[in-house]
Amino acid sequence: MADTDAPSLNTDTKVEAAMALFEKSQMPVLPILSTGGHPVLVGALHERDVLLAYNRELERLRAEEHGEEPRRP
């Protein structure tokens, strides 16, 4: 039986809410559960992946503001 009090995300969770849950739970990976009746595991989100995507977006915005081409990963 699954622990229903364990921290988890669902498919509708916004990035800001996910980041807050990463900070609160101190877990590096959070499960993603389906919404609706009986929750089913549909994936996992790694905090590292969210931070990397956030950093790429900051770099893209910085380059755009300075009229530069964004760096390729």
N, C-alpha and C. Protein backbone atom coordinates (compact mmCIF):
# COMPACT_ATOMS: atom_id res chain seq x y z
N MET A 1 0.84 -1.18 0.00
CA MET A 1 0.00 0.00 0.00
C MET A 1 0.89 1.24 0.00
N ALA A 2 0.51 2.20 -0.80
CA ALA A 2 1.30 3.43 -0.94
C ALA A 2 1.03 4.39 0.21
N ASP A 3 2.02 5.16 0.54
CA ASP A 3 1.91 6.19 1.57
C ASP A 3 1.26 7.41 0.94
N THR A 4 0.00 7.70 1.30
CA THR A 4 -0.71 8.81 0.69
C THR A 4 -0.24 10.16 1.20
N ASP A 5 0.58 10.17 2.27
CA ASP A 5 1.11 11.43 2.80
C ASP A 5 2.49 11.76 2.22
N ALA A 6 3.03 10.85 1.43
CA ALA A 6 4.35 11.09 0.83
C ALA A 6 4.24 12.22 -0.18
N PRO A 7 5.26 13.08 -0.27
CA PRO A 7 5.20 14.18 -1.24
C PRO A 7 5.16 13.64 -2.67
N SER A 8 4.28 14.23 -3.46
CA SER A 8 4.17 13.85 -4.87
C SER A 8 3.62 15.01 -5.66
N LEU A 9 3.80 14.93 -6.96
CA LEU A 9 3.27 15.91 -7.90
C LEU A 9 2.17 15.23 -8.70
N ASN A 10 1.39 16.02 -9.41
CA ASN A 10 0.46 15.42 -10.36
C ASN A 10 0.68 16.08 -11.72
N THR A 11 -0.02 15.61 -12.69
CA THR A 11 0.21 16.08 -14.06
C THR A 11 -0.17 17.53 -14.26
N ASP A 12 -0.89 18.13 -13.30
CA ASP A 12 -1.28 19.53 -13.39
C ASP A 12 -0.41 20.46 -12.54
N THR A 13 0.56 19.93 -11.83
CA THR A 13 1.40 20.73 -10.93
C THR A 13 2.23 21.74 -11.71
N LYS A 14 2.19 22.99 -11.30
CA LYS A 14 3.00 24.05 -11.91
C LYS A 14 4.44 23.96 -11.40
N VAL A 15 5.36 24.48 -12.18
CA VAL A 15 6.78 24.42 -11.84
C VAL A 15 7.05 25.08 -10.50
N GLU A 16 6.43 26.22 -10.25
CA GLU A 16 6.65 26.92 -8.98
C GLU A 16 6.25 26.06 -7.79
N ALA A 17 5.13 25.37 -7.91
CA ALA A 17 4.67 24.49 -6.83
C ALA A 17 5.60 23.30 -6.67
N ALA A 18 6.11 22.77 -7.78
CA ALA A 18 7.06 21.66 -7.72
C ALA A 18 8.33 22.08 -7.00
N MET A 19 8.85 23.27 -7.33
CA MET A 19 10.06 23.75 -6.68
C MET A 19 9.85 23.94 -5.18
N ALA A 20 8.70 24.44 -4.80
CA ALA A 20 8.40 24.61 -3.37
C ALA A 20 8.36 23.24 -2.68
N LEU A 21 7.80 22.24 -3.34
CA LEU A 21 7.74 20.91 -2.75
C LEU A 21 9.12 20.27 -2.67
N PHE A 22 9.97 20.50 -3.67
CA PHE A 22 11.35 20.01 -3.59
C PHE A 22 12.04 20.60 -2.36
N GLU A 23 11.87 21.90 -2.15
CA GLU A 23 12.52 22.56 -1.01
C GLU A 23 11.97 22.04 0.31
N LYS A 24 10.65 21.91 0.40
CA LYS A 24 10.02 21.47 1.64
C LYS A 24 10.37 20.02 1.97
N SER A 25 10.35 19.16 0.96
CA SER A 25 10.55 17.73 1.19
C SER A 25 12.03 17.35 1.28
N GLN A 26 12.91 18.18 0.71
CA GLN A 26 14.34 17.87 0.64
C GLN A 26 14.60 16.57 -0.13
N MET A 27 13.69 16.21 -1.03
CA MET A 27 13.84 15.02 -1.87
C MET A 27 14.33 15.46 -3.25
N PRO A 28 15.31 14.75 -3.83
CA PRO A 28 15.82 15.14 -5.14
C PRO A 28 14.95 14.67 -6.31
N VAL A 29 14.04 13.72 -6.04
CA VAL A 29 13.15 13.19 -7.08
C VAL A 29 11.76 13.06 -6.47
N LEU A 30 10.76 13.53 -7.22
CA LEU A 30 9.38 13.41 -6.76
C LEU A 30 8.56 12.61 -7.77
N PRO A 31 7.70 11.72 -7.29
CA PRO A 31 6.85 10.98 -8.21
C PRO A 31 5.76 11.88 -8.77
N ILE A 32 5.35 11.57 -10.00
CA ILE A 32 4.23 12.27 -10.64
C ILE A 32 3.10 11.28 -10.74
N LEU A 33 1.95 11.64 -10.15
CA LEU A 33 0.78 10.77 -10.13
C LEU A 33 -0.31 11.33 -11.03
N SER A 34 -1.08 10.43 -11.61
CA SER A 34 -2.22 10.86 -12.43
C SER A 34 -3.26 11.51 -11.54
N THR A 35 -4.09 12.34 -12.15
CA THR A 35 -5.18 12.97 -11.41
C THR A 35 -6.44 12.14 -11.62
N GLY A 36 -7.38 12.31 -10.76
CA GLY A 36 -8.62 11.56 -10.89
C GLY A 36 -8.71 10.47 -9.85
N GLY A 37 -9.64 9.57 -10.03
CA GLY A 37 -9.93 8.47 -9.11
C GLY A 37 -8.76 7.91 -8.35
N HIS A 38 -8.23 6.80 -8.78
CA HIS A 38 -7.12 6.13 -8.11
C HIS A 38 -5.81 6.61 -8.74
N PRO A 39 -4.95 7.31 -7.97
CA PRO A 39 -3.70 7.83 -8.54
C PRO A 39 -2.79 6.70 -9.04
N VAL A 40 -2.23 6.91 -10.21
CA VAL A 40 -1.30 5.96 -10.82
C VAL A 40 0.00 6.70 -11.09
N LEU A 41 1.11 6.03 -10.82
CA LEU A 41 2.42 6.62 -11.10
C LEU A 41 2.59 6.76 -12.61
N VAL A 42 2.83 8.00 -13.05
CA VAL A 42 3.02 8.24 -14.49
C VAL A 42 4.42 8.74 -14.82
N GLY A 43 5.21 9.03 -13.80
CA GLY A 43 6.56 9.51 -14.05
C GLY A 43 7.23 9.99 -12.79
N ALA A 44 8.38 10.63 -12.98
CA ALA A 44 9.14 11.20 -11.88
C ALA A 44 9.80 12.48 -12.37
N LEU A 45 9.95 13.42 -11.48
CA LEU A 45 10.61 14.68 -11.82
C LEU A 45 11.83 14.83 -10.92
N HIS A 46 12.97 15.05 -11.55
CA HIS A 46 14.22 15.27 -10.83
C HIS A 46 14.41 16.78 -10.65
N GLU A 47 14.75 17.18 -9.45
CA GLU A 47 14.99 18.60 -9.17
C GLU A 47 16.09 19.14 -10.08
N ARG A 48 17.11 18.34 -10.33
CA ARG A 48 18.22 18.74 -11.19
C ARG A 48 17.72 19.12 -12.58
N ASP A 49 16.78 18.34 -13.12
CA ASP A 49 16.25 18.64 -14.46
C ASP A 49 15.48 19.95 -14.49
N VAL A 50 14.74 20.23 -13.42
CA VAL A 50 14.00 21.50 -13.34
C VAL A 50 14.98 22.66 -13.27
N LEU A 51 16.04 22.52 -12.47
CA LEU A 51 17.02 23.59 -12.34
C LEU A 51 17.78 23.82 -13.64
N LEU A 52 18.12 22.75 -14.35
CA LEU A 52 18.80 22.90 -15.64
C LEU A 52 17.91 23.61 -16.66
N ALA A 53 16.63 23.25 -16.71
CA ALA A 53 15.71 23.91 -17.64
C ALA A 53 15.54 25.38 -17.27
N TYR A 54 15.46 25.68 -15.98
CA TYR A 54 15.33 27.05 -15.52
C TYR A 54 16.56 27.86 -15.92
N ASN A 55 17.74 27.28 -15.73
CA ASN A 55 18.98 27.95 -16.10
C ASN A 55 19.04 28.22 -17.60
N ARG A 56 18.64 27.25 -18.42
CA ARG A 56 18.63 27.45 -19.87
C ARG A 56 17.70 28.60 -20.26
N GLU A 57 16.56 28.68 -19.60
CA GLU A 57 15.62 29.76 -19.90
C GLU A 57 16.20 31.11 -19.49
N LEU A 58 16.86 31.18 -18.36
CA LEU A 58 17.51 32.43 -17.94
C LEU A 58 18.58 32.85 -18.94
N GLU A 59 19.37 31.90 -19.41
CA GLU A 59 20.40 32.19 -20.41
C GLU A 59 19.77 32.70 -21.71
N ARG A 60 18.67 32.07 -22.11
CA ARG A 60 17.99 32.49 -23.35
C ARG A 60 17.46 33.92 -23.21
N LEU A 61 16.86 34.22 -22.08
CA LEU A 61 16.32 35.57 -21.85
C LEU A 61 17.44 36.61 -21.79
N ARG A 62 18.56 36.25 -21.14
CA ARG A 62 19.70 37.16 -21.07
C ARG A 62 20.23 37.46 -22.46
N ALA A 63 20.39 36.43 -23.26
CA ALA A 63 20.89 36.60 -24.63
C ALA A 63 19.92 37.45 -25.45
N GLU A 64 18.64 37.22 -25.28
CA GLU A 64 17.63 37.99 -26.01
C GLU A 64 17.70 39.47 -25.64
N GLU A 65 17.85 39.75 -24.35
CA GLU A 65 17.94 41.13 -23.88
C GLU A 65 19.16 41.85 -24.45
N HIS A 66 20.24 41.11 -24.68
CA HIS A 66 21.49 41.70 -25.16
C HIS A 66 21.68 41.53 -26.67
N GLY A 67 20.64 41.04 -27.34
CA GLY A 67 20.71 40.87 -28.79
C GLY A 67 21.72 39.83 -29.24
N GLU A 68 21.95 38.84 -28.41
CA GLU A 68 22.91 37.79 -28.72
C GLU A 68 22.18 36.50 -29.09
N GLU A 69 22.93 35.61 -29.73
CA GLU A 69 22.41 34.29 -30.00
C GLU A 69 22.52 33.47 -28.72
N PRO A 70 21.48 32.73 -28.35
CA PRO A 70 21.59 31.89 -27.14
C PRO A 70 22.63 30.79 -27.35
N ARG A 71 23.31 30.42 -26.26
CA ARG A 71 24.28 29.33 -26.32
C ARG A 71 23.58 28.01 -26.51
N ARG A 72 24.20 27.14 -27.25
CA ARG A 72 23.66 25.80 -27.45
C ARG A 72 24.11 24.89 -26.32
N PRO A 73 23.20 24.06 -25.81
CA PRO A 73 23.60 23.13 -24.72
C PRO A 73 24.58 22.09 -25.17
